[in-house]
Amino acid sequence: MPEFQEVEWLAKTEQVQVRVSTLKPHDAVPWHFHSVITDNIFCLDEGLEVGLRGPAETIALRPGQRQDIAPGRVHRVVNTTSRPLRYLLIQGTGRYDFNEVK
């Protein structure tokens, strides 16, 4: 896991991963994509943005909202606040990979 976030694992198998991630203030997960899995991002704290490419979009999520990201779509998760921010991430179904993109 990137060092800018803390992770609390709720479930982890070869096909599915479920975790609560906490991003540090004003930090972001690097741009990346997954080959097989879908990311299901559930906002827990105010100030979460999901950046997408192909086409380019920025989606601000409020607590209780979610964004699904299909395999192959380049994306990142951003904390726009000056405090730690939590989100629930459910990934599946398939083998996990993290392909960083510049």
PDB file of N, CA and C in Angstrom:
ATOM      1  N   MET A   1       0.834  -1.187   0.000  1.00  0.00           N
ATOM      2  CA  MET A   1       0.000   0.000   0.000  1.00  0.00           C
ATOM      3  C   MET A   1       0.877   1.248   0.000  1.00  0.00           C
ATOM      4  N   PRO A   2       0.442   2.286  -0.711  1.00  0.00           N
ATOM      5  CA  PRO A   2       1.194   3.539  -0.675  1.00  0.00           C
ATOM      6  C   PRO A   2       1.289   4.074   0.745  1.00  0.00           C
ATOM      7  N   GLU A   3       2.390   4.744   1.044  1.00  0.00           N
ATOM      8  CA  GLU A   3       2.622   5.190   2.419  1.00  0.00           C
ATOM      9  C   GLU A   3       1.801   6.401   2.806  1.00  0.00           C
ATOM     10  N   PHE A   4       1.121   7.051   1.862  1.00  0.00           N
ATOM     11  CA  PHE A   4       0.314   8.227   2.172  1.00  0.00           C
ATOM     12  C   PHE A   4      -1.071   7.854   2.675  1.00  0.00           C
ATOM     13  N   GLN A   5      -1.362   6.569   2.745  1.00  0.00           N
ATOM     14  CA  GLN A   5      -2.661   6.161   3.255  1.00  0.00           C
ATOM     15  C   GLN A   5      -2.526   5.004   4.234  1.00  0.00           C
ATOM     16  N   GLU A   6      -3.442   4.974   5.175  1.00  0.00           N
ATOM     17  CA  GLU A   6      -3.543   3.857   6.107  1.00  0.00           C
ATOM     18  C   GLU A   6      -4.654   2.948   5.612  1.00  0.00           C
ATOM     19  N   VAL A   7      -4.533   1.661   5.903  1.00  0.00           N
ATOM     20  CA  VAL A   7      -5.512   0.693   5.416  1.00  0.00           C
ATOM     21  C   VAL A   7      -5.990  -0.184   6.561  1.00  0.00           C
ATOM     22  N   GLU A   8      -7.304  -0.337   6.640  1.00  0.00           N
ATOM     23  CA  GLU A   8      -7.931  -1.285   7.565  1.00  0.00           C
ATOM     24  C   GLU A   8      -8.619  -2.340   6.703  1.00  0.00           C
ATOM     25  N   TRP A   9      -8.062  -3.530   6.674  1.00  0.00           N
ATOM     26  CA  TRP A   9      -8.630  -4.614   5.865  1.00  0.00           C
ATOM     27  C   TRP A   9      -9.879  -5.165   6.522  1.00  0.00           C
ATOM     28  N   LEU A  10     -10.960  -5.288   5.744  1.00  0.00           N
ATOM     29  CA  LEU A  10     -12.198  -5.891   6.212  1.00  0.00           C
ATOM     30  C   LEU A  10     -12.366  -7.298   5.651  1.00  0.00           C
ATOM     31  N   ALA A  11     -11.850  -7.509   4.428  1.00  0.00           N
ATOM     32  CA  ALA A  11     -11.868  -8.829   3.790  1.00  0.00           C
ATOM     33  C   ALA A  11     -10.841  -8.831   2.675  1.00  0.00           C
ATOM     34  N   LYS A  12     -10.194  -9.987   2.477  1.00  0.00           N
ATOM     35  CA  LYS A  12      -9.195 -10.075   1.413  1.00  0.00           C
ATOM     36  C   LYS A  12      -9.083 -11.520   0.963  1.00  0.00           C
ATOM     37  N   THR A  13      -9.455 -11.757  -0.301  1.00  0.00           N
ATOM     38  CA  THR A  13      -9.302 -13.070  -0.913  1.00  0.00           C
ATOM     39  C   THR A  13      -8.572 -12.869  -2.242  1.00  0.00           C
ATOM     40  N   GLU A  14      -8.384 -13.933  -2.992  1.00  0.00           N
ATOM     41  CA  GLU A  14      -7.762 -13.810  -4.307  1.00  0.00           C
ATOM     42  C   GLU A  14      -8.671 -13.108  -5.297  1.00  0.00           C
ATOM     43  N   GLN A  15      -9.973 -13.048  -5.034  1.00  0.00           N
ATOM     44  CA  GLN A  15     -10.940 -12.473  -5.966  1.00  0.00           C
ATOM     45  C   GLN A  15     -11.549 -11.146  -5.526  1.00  0.00           C
ATOM     46  N   VAL A  16     -11.560 -10.874  -4.218  1.00  0.00           N
ATOM     47  CA  VAL A  16     -12.225  -9.683  -3.683  1.00  0.00           C
ATOM     48  C   VAL A  16     -11.384  -9.084  -2.568  1.00  0.00           C
ATOM     49  N   GLN A  17     -11.324  -7.737  -2.546  1.00  0.00           N
ATOM     50  CA  GLN A  17     -10.662  -7.018  -1.462  1.00  0.00           C
ATOM     51  C   GLN A  17     -11.609  -5.933  -0.956  1.00  0.00           C
ATOM     52  N   VAL A  18     -11.717  -5.817   0.370  1.00  0.00           N
ATOM     53  CA  VAL A  18     -12.562  -4.802   0.983  1.00  0.00           C
ATOM     54  C   VAL A  18     -11.747  -4.133   2.073  1.00  0.00           C
ATOM     55  N   ARG A  19     -11.649  -2.800   1.988  1.00  0.00           N
ATOM     56  CA  ARG A  19     -10.851  -2.090   2.989  1.00  0.00           C
ATOM     57  C   ARG A  19     -11.327  -0.657   3.159  1.00  0.00           C
ATOM     58  N   VAL A  20     -11.051  -0.115   4.342  1.00  0.00           N
ATOM     59  CA  VAL A  20     -11.229   1.308   4.593  1.00  0.00           C
ATOM     60  C   VAL A  20      -9.844   1.927   4.485  1.00  0.00           C
ATOM     61  N   SER A  21      -9.716   2.881   3.576  1.00  0.00           N
ATOM     62  CA  SER A  21      -8.445   3.575   3.386  1.00  0.00           C
ATOM     63  C   SER A  21      -8.570   4.992   3.926  1.00  0.00           C
ATOM     64  N   THR A  22      -7.493   5.488   4.539  1.00  0.00           N
ATOM     65  CA  THR A  22      -7.447   6.855   5.039  1.00  0.00           C
ATOM     66  C   THR A  22      -6.320   7.585   4.328  1.00  0.00           C
ATOM     67  N   LEU A  23      -6.682   8.606   3.556  1.00  0.00           N
ATOM     68  CA  LEU A  23      -5.694   9.425   2.847  1.00  0.00           C
ATOM     69  C   LEU A  23      -5.246  10.574   3.729  1.00  0.00           C
ATOM     70  N   LYS A  24      -3.973  10.885   3.685  1.00  0.00           N
ATOM     71  CA  LYS A  24      -3.451  12.039   4.411  1.00  0.00           C
ATOM     72  C   LYS A  24      -3.999  13.323   3.787  1.00  0.00           C
ATOM     73  N   PRO A  25      -3.956  14.440   4.536  1.00  0.00           N
ATOM     74  CA  PRO A  25      -4.465  15.712   4.020  1.00  0.00           C
ATOM     75  C   PRO A  25      -3.827  16.081   2.675  1.00  0.00           C
ATOM     76  N   HIS A  26      -4.655  16.535   1.746  1.00  0.00           N
ATOM     77  CA  HIS A  26      -4.234  17.013   0.419  1.00  0.00           C
ATOM     78  C   HIS A  26      -3.393  15.998  -0.349  1.00  0.00           C
ATOM     79  N   ASP A  27      -3.612  14.728  -0.127  1.00  0.00           N
ATOM     80  CA  ASP A  27      -2.847  13.696  -0.829  1.00  0.00           C
ATOM     81  C   ASP A  27      -3.753  12.953  -1.799  1.00  0.00           C
ATOM     82  N   ALA A  28      -3.132  12.125  -2.634  1.00  0.00           N
ATOM     83  CA  ALA A  28      -3.898  11.394  -3.646  1.00  0.00           C
ATOM     84  C   ALA A  28      -3.235  10.058  -3.927  1.00  0.00           C
ATOM     85  N   VAL A  29      -4.055   9.098  -4.307  1.00  0.00           N
ATOM     86  CA  VAL A  29      -3.560   7.839  -4.839  1.00  0.00           C
ATOM     87  C   VAL A  29      -3.056   8.158  -6.252  1.00  0.00           C
ATOM     88  N   PRO A  30      -1.886   7.661  -6.660  1.00  0.00           N
ATOM     89  CA  PRO A  30      -1.385   7.969  -8.007  1.00  0.00           C
ATOM     90  C   PRO A  30      -2.348   7.501  -9.097  1.00  0.00           C
ATOM     91  N   TRP A  31      -2.269   8.141 -10.257  1.00  0.00           N
ATOM     92  CA  TRP A  31      -3.054   7.701 -11.412  1.00  0.00           C
ATOM     93  C   TRP A  31      -2.699   6.249 -11.697  1.00  0.00           C
ATOM     94  N   HIS A  32      -3.723   5.431 -11.914  1.00  0.00           N
ATOM     95  CA  HIS A  32      -3.503   4.008 -12.148  1.00  0.00           C
ATOM     96  C   HIS A  32      -4.740   3.379 -12.774  1.00  0.00           C
ATOM     97  N   PHE A  33      -4.614   2.117 -13.143  1.00  0.00           N
ATOM     98  CA  PHE A  33      -5.759   1.335 -13.588  1.00  0.00           C
ATOM     99  C   PHE A  33      -5.574  -0.104 -13.136  1.00  0.00           C
ATOM    100  N   HIS A  34      -6.658  -0.874 -13.192  1.00  0.00           N
ATOM    101  CA  HIS A  34      -6.642  -2.298 -12.877  1.00  0.00           C
ATOM    102  C   HIS A  34      -7.051  -3.063 -14.129  1.00  0.00           C
ATOM    103  N   SER A  35      -6.408  -4.184 -14.384  1.00  0.00           N
ATOM    104  CA  SER A  35      -6.665  -4.953 -15.603  1.00  0.00           C
ATOM    105  C   SER A  35      -8.012  -5.670 -15.587  1.00  0.00           C
ATOM    106  N   VAL A  36      -8.402  -6.191 -14.426  1.00  0.00           N
ATOM    107  CA  VAL A  36      -9.573  -7.063 -14.359  1.00  0.00           C
ATOM    108  C   VAL A  36     -10.634  -6.566 -13.381  1.00  0.00           C
ATOM    109  N   ILE A  37     -10.223  -6.025 -12.259  1.00  0.00           N
ATOM    110  CA  ILE A  37     -11.176  -5.704 -11.189  1.00  0.00           C
ATOM    111  C   ILE A  37     -11.878  -4.367 -11.395  1.00  0.00           C
ATOM    112  N   THR A  38     -13.047  -4.258 -10.806  1.00  0.00           N
ATOM    113  CA  THR A  38     -13.794  -3.004 -10.723  1.00  0.00           C
ATOM    114  C   THR A  38     -13.562  -2.410  -9.344  1.00  0.00           C
ATOM    115  N   ASP A  39     -13.279  -1.104  -9.290  1.00  0.00           N
ATOM    116  CA  ASP A  39     -13.206  -0.386  -8.022  1.00  0.00           C
ATOM    117  C   ASP A  39     -14.589   0.162  -7.694  1.00  0.00           C
ATOM    118  N   ASN A  40     -15.046  -0.071  -6.484  1.00  0.00           N
ATOM    119  CA  ASN A  40     -16.280   0.511  -5.959  1.00  0.00           C
ATOM    120  C   ASN A  40     -15.867   1.386  -4.785  1.00  0.00           C
ATOM    121  N   ILE A  41     -15.887   2.694  -4.983  1.00  0.00           N
ATOM    122  CA  ILE A  41     -15.418   3.651  -3.980  1.00  0.00           C
ATOM    123  C   ILE A  41     -16.629   4.258  -3.287  1.00  0.00           C
ATOM    124  N   PHE A  42     -16.695   4.084  -1.965  1.00  0.00           N
ATOM    125  CA  PHE A  42     -17.779   4.627  -1.152  1.00  0.00           C
ATOM    126  C   PHE A  42     -17.214   5.735  -0.274  1.00  0.00           C
ATOM    127  N   CYS A  43     -17.736   6.933  -0.400  1.00  0.00           N
ATOM    128  CA  CYS A  43     -17.257   8.082   0.369  1.00  0.00           C
ATOM    129  C   CYS A  43     -17.749   7.987   1.813  1.00  0.00           C
ATOM    130  N   LEU A  44     -16.825   8.124   2.748  1.00  0.00           N
ATOM    131  CA  LEU A  44     -17.170   8.129   4.173  1.00  0.00           C
ATOM    132  C   LEU A  44     -17.041   9.518   4.781  1.00  0.00           C
ATOM    133  N   ASP A  45     -16.147  10.357   4.237  1.00  0.00           N
ATOM    134  CA  ASP A  45     -15.900  11.693   4.775  1.00  0.00           C
ATOM    135  C   ASP A  45     -15.981  12.737   3.660  1.00  0.00           C
ATOM    136  N   GLU A  46     -16.437  13.921   4.003  1.00  0.00           N
ATOM    137  CA  GLU A  46     -16.540  15.037   3.052  1.00  0.00           C
ATOM    138  C   GLU A  46     -15.165  15.398   2.495  1.00  0.00           C
ATOM    139  N   GLY A  47     -15.107  15.705   1.185  1.00  0.00           N
ATOM    140  CA  GLY A  47     -13.871  16.175   0.567  1.00  0.00           C
ATOM    141  C   GLY A  47     -13.196  15.182  -0.357  1.00  0.00           C
ATOM    142  N   LEU A  48     -13.892  14.111  -0.720  1.00  0.00           N
ATOM    143  CA  LEU A  48     -13.314  13.078  -1.589  1.00  0.00           C
ATOM    144  C   LEU A  48     -13.613  13.394  -3.052  1.00  0.00           C
ATOM    145  N   GLU A  49     -12.583  13.330  -3.880  1.00  0.00           N
ATOM    146  CA  GLU A  49     -12.747  13.465  -5.325  1.00  0.00           C
ATOM    147  C   GLU A  49     -12.162  12.248  -6.017  1.00  0.00           C
ATOM    148  N   VAL A  50     -12.811  11.848  -7.087  1.00  0.00           N
ATOM    149  CA  VAL A  50     -12.319  10.774  -7.935  1.00  0.00           C
ATOM    150  C   VAL A  50     -11.992  11.401  -9.286  1.00  0.00           C
ATOM    151  N   GLY A  51     -10.736  11.275  -9.704  1.00  0.00           N
ATOM    152  CA  GLY A  51     -10.333  11.754 -11.019  1.00  0.00           C
ATOM    153  C   GLY A  51     -10.333  10.593 -11.988  1.00  0.00           C
ATOM    154  N   LEU A  52     -10.861  10.825 -13.182  1.00  0.00           N
ATOM    155  CA  LEU A  52     -10.946   9.791 -14.207  1.00  0.00           C
ATOM    156  C   LEU A  52     -10.346  10.316 -15.510  1.00  0.00           C
ATOM    157  N   ARG A  53      -9.797   9.422 -16.298  1.00  0.00           N
ATOM    158  CA  ARG A  53      -9.313   9.748 -17.640  1.00  0.00           C
ATOM    159  C   ARG A  53     -10.018   8.856 -18.650  1.00  0.00           C
ATOM    160  N   GLY A  54     -10.157   9.365 -19.858  1.00  0.00           N
ATOM    161  CA  GLY A  54     -10.722   8.600 -20.969  1.00  0.00           C
ATOM    162  C   GLY A  54     -12.210   8.364 -20.890  1.00  0.00           C
ATOM    163  N   PRO A  55     -13.038   9.385 -20.857  1.00  0.00           N
ATOM    164  CA  PRO A  55     -12.748  10.815 -20.907  1.00  0.00           C
ATOM    165  C   PRO A  55     -12.403  11.375 -19.527  1.00  0.00           C
ATOM    166  N   ALA A  56     -11.787  12.572 -19.540  1.00  0.00           N
ATOM    167  CA  ALA A  56     -11.389  13.232 -18.298  1.00  0.00           C
ATOM    168  C   ALA A  56     -12.621  13.718 -17.532  1.00  0.00           C
ATOM    169  N   GLU A  57     -12.671  13.357 -16.255  1.00  0.00           N
ATOM    170  CA  GLU A  57     -13.763  13.774 -15.369  1.00  0.00           C
ATOM    171  C   GLU A  57     -13.221  13.928 -13.957  1.00  0.00           C
ATOM    172  N   THR A  58     -13.819  14.819 -13.188  1.00  0.00           N
ATOM    173  CA  THR A  58     -13.573  14.913 -11.749  1.00  0.00           C
ATOM    174  C   THR A  58     -14.926  14.819 -11.066  1.00  0.00           C
ATOM    175  N   ILE A  59     -15.046  13.851 -10.178  1.00  0.00           N
ATOM    176  CA  ILE A  59     -16.315  13.601  -9.502  1.00  0.00           C
ATOM    177  C   ILE A  59     -16.116  13.819  -8.009  1.00  0.00           C
ATOM    178  N   ALA A  60     -16.817  14.804  -7.459  1.00  0.00           N
ATOM    179  CA  ALA A  60     -16.786  15.055  -6.016  1.00  0.00           C
ATOM    180  C   ALA A  60     -17.857  14.196  -5.365  1.00  0.00           C
ATOM    181  N   LEU A  61     -17.451  13.397  -4.389  1.00  0.00           N
ATOM    182  CA  LEU A  61     -18.396  12.529  -3.683  1.00  0.00           C
ATOM    183  C   LEU A  61     -18.665  13.068  -2.287  1.00  0.00           C
ATOM    184  N   ARG A  62     -19.895  12.940  -1.866  1.00  0.00           N
ATOM    185  CA  ARG A  62     -20.279  13.283  -0.502  1.00  0.00           C
ATOM    186  C   ARG A  62     -20.452  11.986   0.279  1.00  0.00           C
ATOM    187  N   PRO A  63     -20.397  12.062   1.600  1.00  0.00           N
ATOM    188  CA  PRO A  63     -20.591  10.843   2.392  1.00  0.00           C
ATOM    189  C   PRO A  63     -21.876  10.115   1.994  1.00  0.00           C
ATOM    190  N   GLY A  64     -21.736   8.798   1.788  1.00  0.00           N
ATOM    191  CA  GLY A  64     -22.853   7.976   1.387  1.00  0.00           C
ATOM    192  C   GLY A  64     -22.946   7.753  -0.114  1.00  0.00           C
ATOM    193  N   GLN A  65     -22.212   8.549  -0.908  1.00  0.00           N
ATOM    194  CA  GLN A  65     -22.217   8.366  -2.357  1.00  0.00           C
ATOM    195  C   GLN A  65     -21.097   7.424  -2.765  1.00  0.00           C
ATOM    196  N   ARG A  66     -21.240   6.861  -3.987  1.00  0.00           N
ATOM    197  CA  ARG A  66     -20.224   5.940  -4.463  1.00  0.00           C
ATOM    198  C   ARG A  66     -19.948   6.156  -5.936  1.00  0.00           C
ATOM    199  N   GLN A  67     -18.787   5.674  -6.354  1.00  0.00           N
ATOM    200  CA  GLN A  67     -18.391   5.712  -7.757  1.00  0.00           C
ATOM    201  C   GLN A  67     -17.795   4.358  -8.112  1.00  0.00           C
ATOM    202  N   ASP A  68     -18.298   3.761  -9.186  1.00  0.00           N
ATOM    203  CA  ASP A  68     -17.752   2.509  -9.691  1.00  0.00           C
ATOM    204  C   ASP A  68     -16.820   2.833 -10.848  1.00  0.00           C
ATOM    205  N   ILE A  69     -15.678   2.166 -10.889  1.00  0.00           N
ATOM    206  CA  ILE A  69     -14.680   2.403 -11.934  1.00  0.00           C
ATOM    207  C   ILE A  69     -14.375   1.079 -12.608  1.00  0.00           C
ATOM    208  N   ALA A  70     -14.649   1.024 -13.895  1.00  0.00           N
ATOM    209  CA  ALA A  70     -14.495  -0.203 -14.667  1.00  0.00           C
ATOM    210  C   ALA A  70     -13.029  -0.561 -14.867  1.00  0.00           C
ATOM    211  N   PRO A  71     -12.739  -1.843 -15.058  1.00  0.00           N
ATOM    212  CA  PRO A  71     -11.372  -2.266 -15.360  1.00  0.00           C
ATOM    213  C   PRO A  71     -10.832  -1.508 -16.580  1.00  0.00           C
ATOM    214  N   GLY A  72      -9.554  -1.151 -16.514  1.00  0.00           N
ATOM    215  CA  GLY A  72      -8.899  -0.470 -17.619  1.00  0.00           C
ATOM    216  C   GLY A  72      -9.012   1.036 -17.607  1.00  0.00           C
ATOM    217  N   ARG A  73      -9.933   1.600 -16.822  1.00  0.00           N
ATOM    218  CA  ARG A  73     -10.100   3.061 -16.781  1.00  0.00           C
ATOM    219  C   ARG A  73      -9.086   3.658 -15.810  1.00  0.00           C
ATOM    220  N   VAL A  74      -8.320   4.620 -16.290  1.00  0.00           N
ATOM    221  CA  VAL A  74      -7.316   5.288 -15.462  1.00  0.00           C
ATOM    222  C   VAL A  74      -8.032   6.216 -14.479  1.00  0.00           C
ATOM    223  N   HIS A  75      -7.604   6.149 -13.210  1.00  0.00           N
ATOM    224  CA  HIS A  75      -8.263   6.925 -12.161  1.00  0.00           C
ATOM    225  C   HIS A  75      -7.331   7.186 -10.997  1.00  0.00           C
ATOM    226  N   ARG A  76      -7.793   8.066 -10.105  1.00  0.00           N
ATOM    227  CA  ARG A  76      -7.121   8.314  -8.829  1.00  0.00           C
ATOM    228  C   ARG A  76      -8.144   8.813  -7.834  1.00  0.00           C
ATOM    229  N   VAL A  77      -7.796   8.720  -6.545  1.00  0.00           N
ATOM    230  CA  VAL A  77      -8.646   9.187  -5.453  1.00  0.00           C
ATOM    231  C   VAL A  77      -7.889  10.306  -4.755  1.00  0.00           C
ATOM    232  N   VAL A  78      -8.593  11.432  -4.476  1.00  0.00           N
ATOM    233  CA  VAL A  78      -7.941  12.636  -3.956  1.00  0.00           C
ATOM    234  C   VAL A  78      -8.634  13.098  -2.670  1.00  0.00           C
ATOM    235  N   ASN A  79      -7.826  13.462  -1.680  1.00  0.00           N
ATOM    236  CA  ASN A  79      -8.313  14.118  -0.468  1.00  0.00           C
ATOM    237  C   ASN A  79      -8.132  15.616  -0.675  1.00  0.00           C
ATOM    238  N   THR A  80      -9.222  16.355  -0.780  1.00  0.00           N
ATOM    239  CA  THR A  80      -9.157  17.799  -1.024  1.00  0.00           C
ATOM    240  C   THR A  80      -9.123  18.614   0.261  1.00  0.00           C
ATOM    241  N   THR A  81      -9.033  17.946   1.410  1.00  0.00           N
ATOM    242  CA  THR A  81      -9.141  18.642   2.697  1.00  0.00           C
ATOM    243  C   THR A  81      -7.786  18.716   3.422  1.00  0.00           C
ATOM    244  N   SER A  82      -7.791  19.460   4.511  1.00  0.00           N
ATOM    245  CA  SER A  82      -6.590  19.591   5.349  1.00  0.00           C
ATOM    246  C   SER A  82      -6.637  18.636   6.550  1.00  0.00           C
ATOM    247  N   ARG A  83      -7.454  17.592   6.438  1.00  0.00           N
ATOM    248  CA  ARG A  83      -7.550  16.580   7.496  1.00  0.00           C
ATOM    249  C   ARG A  83      -7.546  15.197   6.845  1.00  0.00           C
ATOM    250  N   PRO A  84      -7.254  14.157   7.591  1.00  0.00           N
ATOM    251  CA  PRO A  84      -7.340  12.808   7.031  1.00  0.00           C
ATOM    252  C   PRO A  84      -8.755  12.522   6.533  1.00  0.00           C
ATOM    253  N   LEU A  85      -8.851  11.710   5.496  1.00  0.00           N
ATOM    254  CA  LEU A  85     -10.132  11.409   4.859  1.00  0.00           C
ATOM    255  C   LEU A  85     -10.252   9.917   4.626  1.00  0.00           C
ATOM    256  N   ARG A  86     -11.417   9.338   4.976  1.00  0.00           N
ATOM    257  CA  ARG A  86     -11.640   7.894   4.852  1.00  0.00           C
ATOM    258  C   ARG A  86     -12.595   7.573   3.706  1.00  0.00           C
ATOM    259  N   TYR A  87     -12.329   6.446   3.046  1.00  0.00           N
ATOM    260  CA  TYR A  87     -13.265   5.913   2.061  1.00  0.00           C
ATOM    261  C   TYR A  87     -13.209   4.393   2.102  1.00  0.00           C
ATOM    262  N   LEU A  88     -14.335   3.785   1.749  1.00  0.00           N
ATOM    263  CA  LEU A  88     -14.444   2.335   1.687  1.00  0.00           C
ATOM    264  C   LEU A  88     -14.193   1.920   0.248  1.00  0.00           C
ATOM    265  N   LEU A  89     -13.319   0.950   0.059  1.00  0.00           N
ATOM    266  CA  LEU A  89     -12.985   0.474  -1.281  1.00  0.00           C
ATOM    267  C   LEU A  89     -13.279  -1.016  -1.369  1.00  0.00           C
ATOM    268  N   ILE A  90     -14.162  -1.368  -2.308  1.00  0.00           N
ATOM    269  CA  ILE A  90     -14.464  -2.762  -2.592  1.00  0.00           C
ATOM    270  C   ILE A  90     -13.962  -3.042  -4.004  1.00  0.00           C
ATOM    271  N   GLN A  91     -13.097  -4.050  -4.135  1.00  0.00           N
ATOM    272  CA  GLN A  91     -12.504  -4.385  -5.425  1.00  0.00           C
ATOM    273  C   GLN A  91     -12.793  -5.841  -5.764  1.00  0.00           C
ATOM    274  N   GLY A  92     -13.273  -6.065  -6.966  1.00  0.00           N
ATOM    275  CA  GLY A  92     -13.535  -7.430  -7.405  1.00  0.00           C
ATOM    276  C   GLY A  92     -14.168  -7.398  -8.787  1.00  0.00           C
ATOM    277  N   THR A  93     -14.386  -8.421  -9.343  1.00  0.00           N
ATOM    278  CA  THR A  93     -13.976  -9.751  -8.979  1.00  0.00           C
ATOM    279  C   THR A  93     -12.818 -10.130  -9.892  1.00  0.00           C
ATOM    280  N   GLY A  94     -11.757 -10.646  -9.330  1.00  0.00           N
ATOM    281  CA  GLY A  94     -10.604 -11.057 -10.103  1.00  0.00           C
ATOM    282  C   GLY A  94      -9.317 -10.743  -9.376  1.00  0.00           C
ATOM    283  N   ARG A  95      -8.216 -11.042 -10.048  1.00  0.00           N
ATOM    284  CA  ARG A  95      -6.900 -10.836  -9.456  1.00  0.00           C
ATOM    285  C   ARG A  95      -6.546  -9.349  -9.421  1.00  0.00           C
ATOM    286  N   TYR A  96      -6.080  -8.883  -8.266  1.00  0.00           N
ATOM    287  CA  TYR A  96      -5.731  -7.476  -8.069  1.00  0.00           C
ATOM    288  C   TYR A  96      -4.402  -7.154  -8.748  1.00  0.00           C
ATOM    289  N   ASP A  97      -4.364  -6.011  -9.424  1.00  0.00           N
ATOM    290  CA  ASP A  97      -3.117  -5.413  -9.888  1.00  0.00           C
ATOM    291  C   ASP A  97      -3.257  -3.905  -9.799  1.00  0.00           C
ATOM    292  N   PHE A  98      -2.123  -3.216  -9.768  1.00  0.00           N
ATOM    293  CA  PHE A  98      -2.082  -1.753  -9.667  1.00  0.00           C
ATOM    294  C   PHE A  98      -1.078  -1.280 -10.706  1.00  0.00           C
ATOM    295  N   ASN A  99      -1.583  -0.727 -11.806  1.00  0.00           N
ATOM    296  CA  ASN A  99      -0.756  -0.294 -12.920  1.00  0.00           C
ATOM    297  C   ASN A  99      -0.676   1.229 -12.921  1.00  0.00           C
ATOM    298  N   GLU A 100       0.447   1.763 -12.399  1.00  0.00           N
ATOM    299  CA  GLU A 100       0.590   3.210 -12.292  1.00  0.00           C
ATOM    300  C   GLU A 100       0.806   3.835 -13.665  1.00  0.00           C
ATOM    301  N   VAL A 101       0.197   5.025 -13.845  1.00  0.00           N
ATOM    302  CA  VAL A 101       0.252   5.765 -15.098  1.00  0.00           C
ATOM    303  C   VAL A 101       0.709   7.184 -14.775  1.00  0.00           C
ATOM    304  N   LYS A 102       1.530   7.736 -15.608  1.00  0.00           N
ATOM    305  CA  LYS A 102       1.977   9.134 -15.412  1.00  0.00           C
ATOM    306  C   LYS A 102       0.968  10.104 -15.961  1.00  0.00           C
TER     307      LYS A 102
END
